[in-house]
């Protein structure tokens, strides 16, 4: 598991871009007291999803308004067509860790 951030680094209903070096950035997303780690780059363009809005459990791309389900990575609004990778998360002692080698994508079309 890779250290991502402290739980206090991201407010509920917000996302934080995390650069880990040697790989594309991930986004740490907080929904109430649940934490999710997803790829930060939109699969439709080169937008940073951590700059997008979080609406009802979806994250909206700031470039073209495509949306992804934060929990599964599934596309929920066009123009996005390819699912996002979601990584298993562990929260321990106020720190968020993710298994970056064990990510998965939903394969259900919109």
C-alpha atoms as a PDB file:
ATOM      1  CA  UNK A   1       0.000   0.000   0.000  1.00  0.00           C
ATOM      2  CA  UNK A   2       1.203   3.492  -0.905  1.00  0.00           C
ATOM      3  CA  UNK A   3       0.713   6.495   1.357  1.00  0.00           C
ATOM      4  CA  UNK A   4      -1.569   9.002  -0.399  1.00  0.00           C
ATOM      5  CA  UNK A   5      -2.352  11.741   2.148  1.00  0.00           C
ATOM      6  CA  UNK A   6      -3.691  12.449   5.608  1.00  0.00           C
ATOM      7  CA  UNK A   7      -7.464  12.320   6.031  1.00  0.00           C
ATOM      8  CA  UNK A   8      -7.413  15.978   7.067  1.00  0.00           C
ATOM      9  CA  UNK A   9      -5.793  17.004   3.759  1.00  0.00           C
ATOM     10  CA  UNK A  10      -9.119  16.803   1.912  1.00  0.00           C
ATOM     11  CA  UNK A  11     -12.468  18.249   2.998  1.00  0.00           C
ATOM     12  CA  UNK A  12     -15.724  16.255   2.667  1.00  0.00           C
ATOM     13  CA  UNK A  13     -17.135  16.637  -0.843  1.00  0.00           C
ATOM     14  CA  UNK A  14     -13.740  17.579  -2.294  1.00  0.00           C
ATOM     15  CA  UNK A  15     -10.869  16.026  -4.234  1.00  0.00           C
ATOM     16  CA  UNK A  16      -7.131  16.480  -3.919  1.00  0.00           C
ATOM     17  CA  UNK A  17      -4.570  15.833  -6.663  1.00  0.00           C
ATOM     18  CA  UNK A  18      -1.686  13.678  -5.412  1.00  0.00           C
ATOM     19  CA  UNK A  19       1.574  13.440  -7.353  1.00  0.00           C
ATOM     20  CA  UNK A  20       3.580  10.383  -6.427  1.00  0.00           C
ATOM     21  CA  UNK A  21       6.421  10.588  -8.951  1.00  0.00           C
ATOM     22  CA  UNK A  22       7.012   8.032 -11.654  1.00  0.00           C
ATOM     23  CA  UNK A  23       3.330   7.651 -12.458  1.00  0.00           C
ATOM     24  CA  UNK A  24       0.381   9.846 -13.481  1.00  0.00           C
ATOM     25  CA  UNK A  25      -1.305  11.686 -10.601  1.00  0.00           C
ATOM     26  CA  UNK A  26      -4.197  10.238  -8.638  1.00  0.00           C
ATOM     27  CA  UNK A  27      -7.096  12.027  -6.982  1.00  0.00           C
ATOM     28  CA  UNK A  28      -8.034  11.455  -3.370  1.00  0.00           C
ATOM     29  CA  UNK A  29     -11.784  11.995  -3.094  1.00  0.00           C
ATOM     30  CA  UNK A  30     -13.684  12.325   0.165  1.00  0.00           C
ATOM     31  CA  UNK A  31     -17.404  11.607   0.299  1.00  0.00           C
ATOM     32  CA  UNK A  32     -18.463  12.333   3.892  1.00  0.00           C
ATOM     33  CA  UNK A  33     -16.119  10.028   5.821  1.00  0.00           C
ATOM     34  CA  UNK A  34     -15.361   7.643   2.935  1.00  0.00           C
ATOM     35  CA  UNK A  35     -12.159   8.006   0.934  1.00  0.00           C
ATOM     36  CA  UNK A  36     -11.564   6.941  -2.674  1.00  0.00           C
ATOM     37  CA  UNK A  37      -8.462   7.030  -4.843  1.00  0.00           C
ATOM     38  CA  UNK A  38      -8.968   7.309  -8.610  1.00  0.00           C
ATOM     39  CA  UNK A  39      -6.856   8.244 -11.602  1.00  0.00           C
ATOM     40  CA  UNK A  40      -6.816  12.035 -11.720  1.00  0.00           C
ATOM     41  CA  UNK A  41      -6.683  12.378 -15.511  1.00  0.00           C
ATOM     42  CA  UNK A  42      -9.969  12.202 -17.410  1.00  0.00           C
ATOM     43  CA  UNK A  43     -10.122   9.308 -19.887  1.00  0.00           C
ATOM     44  CA  UNK A  44     -11.649  11.639 -22.508  1.00  0.00           C
ATOM     45  CA  UNK A  45      -9.094  14.445 -22.349  1.00  0.00           C
ATOM     46  CA  UNK A  46      -6.160  15.661 -20.323  1.00  0.00           C
ATOM     47  CA  UNK A  47      -8.197  17.378 -17.605  1.00  0.00           C
ATOM     48  CA  UNK A  48      -7.439  16.994 -13.915  1.00  0.00           C
ATOM     49  CA  UNK A  49     -10.520  15.477 -12.313  1.00  0.00           C
ATOM     50  CA  UNK A  50      -9.516  16.857  -8.917  1.00  0.00           C
ATOM     51  CA  UNK A  51     -10.394  20.277 -10.403  1.00  0.00           C
ATOM     52  CA  UNK A  52     -13.914  19.056 -11.206  1.00  0.00           C
ATOM     53  CA  UNK A  53     -17.121  19.173  -9.190  1.00  0.00           C
ATOM     54  CA  UNK A  54     -18.386  16.314  -7.055  1.00  0.00           C
ATOM     55  CA  UNK A  55     -22.105  15.780  -7.510  1.00  0.00           C
ATOM     56  CA  UNK A  56     -24.084  12.935  -5.899  1.00  0.00           C
ATOM     57  CA  UNK A  57     -21.133  10.533  -5.829  1.00  0.00           C
ATOM     58  CA  UNK A  58     -19.918  11.431  -9.326  1.00  0.00           C
ATOM     59  CA  UNK A  59     -16.908  13.530 -10.287  1.00  0.00           C
ATOM     60  CA  UNK A  60     -17.369  15.865 -13.261  1.00  0.00           C
ATOM     61  CA  UNK A  61     -14.579  16.603 -15.715  1.00  0.00           C
ATOM     62  CA  UNK A  62     -13.921  20.360 -15.768  1.00  0.00           C
ATOM     63  CA  UNK A  63     -13.244  20.357 -19.544  1.00  0.00           C
ATOM     64  CA  UNK A  64     -16.293  18.727 -21.141  1.00  0.00           C
ATOM     65  CA  UNK A  65     -18.634  17.899 -18.209  1.00  0.00           C
ATOM     66  CA  UNK A  66     -18.330  14.133 -18.592  1.00  0.00           C
ATOM     67  CA  UNK A  67     -18.846  12.287 -15.301  1.00  0.00           C
ATOM     68  CA  UNK A  68     -17.587   9.191 -13.506  1.00  0.00           C
ATOM     69  CA  UNK A  69     -18.932   7.272 -10.519  1.00  0.00           C
ATOM     70  CA  UNK A  70     -16.309   7.811  -7.812  1.00  0.00           C
ATOM     71  CA  UNK A  71     -16.952   4.410  -6.209  1.00  0.00           C
ATOM     72  CA  UNK A  72     -16.714   2.261  -9.370  1.00  0.00           C
ATOM     73  CA  UNK A  73     -15.085   4.423 -12.045  1.00  0.00           C
ATOM     74  CA  UNK A  74     -18.047   3.834 -14.369  1.00  0.00           C
ATOM     75  CA  UNK A  75     -18.894   6.551 -16.885  1.00  0.00           C
ATOM     76  CA  UNK A  76     -22.135   8.281 -15.928  1.00  0.00           C
ATOM     77  CA  UNK A  77     -22.242  11.128 -18.480  1.00  0.00           C
ATOM     78  CA  UNK A  78     -20.870  11.696 -21.978  1.00  0.00           C
ATOM     79  CA  UNK A  79     -18.643  12.610 -23.738  1.00  0.00           C
ATOM     80  CA  UNK A  80     -16.558  10.221 -21.617  1.00  0.00           C
ATOM     81  CA  UNK A  81     -16.778   6.626 -22.822  1.00  0.00           C
ATOM     82  CA  UNK A  82     -13.924   4.824 -21.026  1.00  0.00           C
ATOM     83  CA  UNK A  83     -14.159   3.983 -17.314  1.00  0.00           C
ATOM     84  CA  UNK A  84     -11.766   5.388 -14.764  1.00  0.00           C
ATOM     85  CA  UNK A  85      -9.426   3.267 -12.613  1.00  0.00           C
ATOM     86  CA  UNK A  86     -10.372   3.074  -8.919  1.00  0.00           C
ATOM     87  CA  UNK A  87      -7.844   1.803  -6.373  1.00  0.00           C
ATOM     88  CA  UNK A  88      -8.441  -0.140  -3.144  1.00  0.00           C
ATOM     89  CA  UNK A  89      -8.054   2.147  -0.123  1.00  0.00           C
ATOM     90  CA  UNK A  90      -7.126   1.613   3.504  1.00  0.00           C
ATOM     91  CA  UNK A  91      -7.485   4.317   6.165  1.00  0.00           C
ATOM     92  CA  UNK A  92      -5.352   3.889   9.263  1.00  0.00           C
ATOM     93  CA  UNK A  93      -4.456   6.339  12.023  1.00  0.00           C
ATOM     94  CA  UNK A  94      -5.665   9.325  10.001  1.00  0.00           C
ATOM     95  CA  UNK A  95      -3.698   8.339   6.906  1.00  0.00           C
ATOM     96  CA  UNK A  96      -5.006   7.153   3.532  1.00  0.00           C
ATOM     97  CA  UNK A  97      -3.181   4.391   1.672  1.00  0.00           C
ATOM     98  CA  UNK A  98      -3.988   2.892  -1.744  1.00  0.00           C
ATOM     99  CA  UNK A  99      -3.006  -0.299  -3.543  1.00  0.00           C
ATOM    100  CA  UNK A 100      -1.892   1.351  -6.777  1.00  0.00           C
ATOM    101  CA  UNK A 101      -1.006  -1.992  -8.347  1.00  0.00           C
ATOM    102  CA  UNK A 102      -4.524  -3.353  -7.812  1.00  0.00           C
ATOM    103  CA  UNK A 103      -6.785  -0.800  -9.508  1.00  0.00           C
ATOM    104  CA  UNK A 104      -9.927  -1.808 -11.348  1.00  0.00           C
ATOM    105  CA  UNK A 105     -12.268  -0.278 -13.929  1.00  0.00           C
ATOM    106  CA  UNK A 106     -15.986  -0.698 -14.344  1.00  0.00           C
ATOM    107  CA  UNK A 107     -16.777  -1.962 -17.818  1.00  0.00           C
ATOM    108  CA  UNK A 108     -20.406  -0.971 -18.035  1.00  0.00           C
ATOM    109  CA  UNK A 109     -21.288   1.544 -20.740  1.00  0.00           C
ATOM    110  CA  UNK A 110     -23.519   4.537 -19.963  1.00  0.00           C
END
